[in-house]
C-alpha atoms as a PDB file:
ATOM      1  CA  ARG A   1      48.151  17.139  15.220  1.00  0.00           C
ATOM      2  CA  GLU A   2      44.676  18.372  14.323  1.00  0.00           C
ATOM      3  CA  ASN A   3      43.557  18.526  10.678  1.00  0.00           C
ATOM      4  CA  ALA A   4      41.820  21.613   9.280  1.00  0.00           C
ATOM      5  CA  GLU A   5      38.341  20.025   9.214  1.00  0.00           C
ATOM      6  CA  ALA A   6      38.545  18.885  12.831  1.00  0.00           C
ATOM      7  CA  LYS A   7      39.791  22.316  13.913  1.00  0.00           C
ATOM      8  CA  ALA A   8      36.975  24.059  12.006  1.00  0.00           C
ATOM      9  CA  MET A   9      34.347  21.790  13.603  1.00  0.00           C
ATOM     10  CA  ARG A  10      35.838  22.328  17.074  1.00  0.00           C
ATOM     11  CA  ASP A  11      35.970  26.085  16.558  1.00  0.00           C
ATOM     12  CA  ALA A  12      32.337  26.081  15.362  1.00  0.00           C
ATOM     13  CA  ALA A  13      31.354  24.160  18.533  1.00  0.00           C
ATOM     14  CA  PHE A  14      30.009  21.124  16.649  1.00  0.00           C
ATOM     15  CA  PRO A  15      29.590  18.090  18.897  1.00  0.00           C
ATOM     16  CA  PRO A  16      31.868  15.144  18.120  1.00  0.00           C
ATOM     17  CA  LEU A  17      30.520  12.822  15.431  1.00  0.00           C
ATOM     18  CA  THR A  18      29.784   9.340  16.737  1.00  0.00           C
ATOM     19  CA  LEU A  19      28.621   6.166  15.033  1.00  0.00           C
ATOM     20  CA  TYR A  20      25.426   6.313  17.108  1.00  0.00           C
ATOM     21  CA  GLY A  21      24.880   9.909  15.986  1.00  0.00           C
ATOM     22  CA  CYS A  22      25.225   8.882  12.342  1.00  0.00           C
ATOM     23  CA  ARG A  23      22.763   6.019  12.863  1.00  0.00           C
ATOM     24  CA  HIS A  24      20.233   8.285  14.565  1.00  0.00           C
ATOM     25  CA  SER A  25      20.628  10.952  11.883  1.00  0.00           C
ATOM     26  CA  MET A  26      20.087   8.398   9.117  1.00  0.00           C
ATOM     27  CA  ALA A  27      16.879   7.116  10.704  1.00  0.00           C
ATOM     28  CA  THR A  28      15.594  10.631  11.345  1.00  0.00           C
ATOM     29  CA  LEU A  29      16.325  11.817   7.807  1.00  0.00           C
ATOM     30  CA  LEU A  30      14.765   8.736   6.213  1.00  0.00           C
ATOM     31  CA  LEU A  31      11.575   8.973   8.270  1.00  0.00           C
ATOM     32  CA  ARG A  32      11.241  12.725   7.662  1.00  0.00           C
ATOM     33  CA  SER A  33      11.675  12.048   3.946  1.00  0.00           C
ATOM     34  CA  GLY A  34       8.699   9.714   4.006  1.00  0.00           C
ATOM     35  CA  VAL A  35      10.539   6.404   3.788  1.00  0.00           C
ATOM     36  CA  HIS A  36       8.325   3.605   5.088  1.00  0.00           C
ATOM     37  CA  PRO A  37       9.137   2.762   8.742  1.00  0.00           C
ATOM     38  CA  LYS A  38       9.601  -0.939   7.848  1.00  0.00           C
ATOM     39  CA  ILE A  39      12.487  -0.014   5.549  1.00  0.00           C
ATOM     40  CA  VAL A  40      14.042   2.195   8.237  1.00  0.00           C
ATOM     41  CA  ALA A  41      13.625  -0.600  10.804  1.00  0.00           C
ATOM     42  CA  ASP A  42      15.362  -3.033   8.444  1.00  0.00           C
ATOM     43  CA  ARG A  43      18.285  -0.641   7.933  1.00  0.00           C
ATOM     44  CA  LEU A  44      18.619  -0.186  11.702  1.00  0.00           C
ATOM     45  CA  GLY A  45      18.429  -3.928  12.342  1.00  0.00           C
ATOM     46  CA  HIS A  46      15.286  -3.682  14.458  1.00  0.00           C
ATOM     47  CA  ALA A  47      13.355  -6.951  14.556  1.00  0.00           C
ATOM     48  CA  LYS A  48      10.067  -5.079  14.896  1.00  0.00           C
ATOM     49  CA  THR A  49       8.931  -1.910  13.157  1.00  0.00           C
ATOM     50  CA  SER A  50       7.219  -0.957  16.411  1.00  0.00           C
ATOM     51  CA  THR A  51      10.649  -0.556  18.019  1.00  0.00           C
ATOM     52  CA  THR A  52      11.627   1.982  15.372  1.00  0.00           C
ATOM     53  CA  LEU A  53       8.329   3.822  15.703  1.00  0.00           C
ATOM     54  CA  ASP A  54       8.601   3.906  19.498  1.00  0.00           C
ATOM     55  CA  ILE A  55      12.095   5.400  19.342  1.00  0.00           C
ATOM     56  CA  TYR A  56      11.558   7.804  16.452  1.00  0.00           C
ATOM     57  CA  SER A  57       7.885   8.779  16.829  1.00  0.00           C
ATOM     58  CA  HIS A  58       8.946  12.365  17.574  1.00  0.00           C
ATOM     59  CA  VAL A  59      10.269  12.615  14.008  1.00  0.00           C
ATOM     60  CA  THR A  60       6.838  12.462  12.379  1.00  0.00           C
ATOM     61  CA  PRO A  61       4.523  14.566  14.560  1.00  0.00           C
ATOM     62  CA  ASP A  62       2.498  15.604  11.526  1.00  0.00           C
ATOM     63  CA  ILE A  63       1.780  12.050  10.384  1.00  0.00           C
ATOM     64  CA  GLN A  64      -1.923  12.315  11.295  1.00  0.00           C
ATOM     65  CA  ALA A  65      -2.292  15.499   9.241  1.00  0.00           C
ATOM     66  CA  GLN A  66      -0.539  13.811   6.314  1.00  0.00           C
ATOM     67  CA  ALA A  67      -2.942  10.873   6.546  1.00  0.00           C
ATOM     68  CA  VAL A  68      -5.981  13.169   6.500  1.00  0.00           C
ATOM     69  CA  THR A  69      -4.596  15.099   3.517  1.00  0.00           C
ATOM     70  CA  ALA A  70      -3.946  11.869   1.612  1.00  0.00           C
ATOM     71  CA  LEU A  71      -7.444  10.588   2.347  1.00  0.00           C
ATOM     72  CA  GLU A  72      -9.071  13.872   1.329  1.00  0.00           C
ATOM     73  CA  SER A  73      -7.068  13.857  -1.887  1.00  0.00           C
ATOM     74  CA  SER A  74      -8.139  10.299  -2.681  1.00  0.00           C
ATOM     75  CA  LEU A  75     -11.797  11.019  -1.984  1.00  0.00           C
ATOM     76  CA  SER A  76     -11.907  14.227  -4.004  1.00  0.00           C
ATOM     77  CA  ARG A  77     -10.680  12.672  -7.245  1.00  0.00           C
ATOM     78  CA  LYS A  78     -13.260  12.245  -9.943  1.00  0.00           C
ATOM     79  CA  PRO A  79     -13.909   8.628 -10.884  1.00  0.00           C
ATOM     80  CA  ARG A  80     -12.414   7.506 -14.192  1.00  0.00           C
ATOM     81  CA  ARG A  81     -14.703   6.508 -16.997  1.00  0.00           C
ATOM     82  CA  VAL A  82     -14.205   3.001 -18.268  1.00  0.00           C
ATOM     83  CA  GLY A  83     -14.610   2.314 -21.973  1.00  0.00           C
END
């Protein structure tokens, strides 16, 4: 017997939810939200952050642009006066 939620998902043509799908979604959402890759790697159980970055590099295609924006922002700030 199918419950209402399962029937609604089937009728809407959602793919079946798997543990791997949940894991991949978590990593993707965390990286897109700006969580440091080391933290994501730890949550996934990857021994090396490079493994996480190799697998999920497609998630952050704008990372270079973000780096340039952050650098420009840092360089354009006026120095603070001391004293």
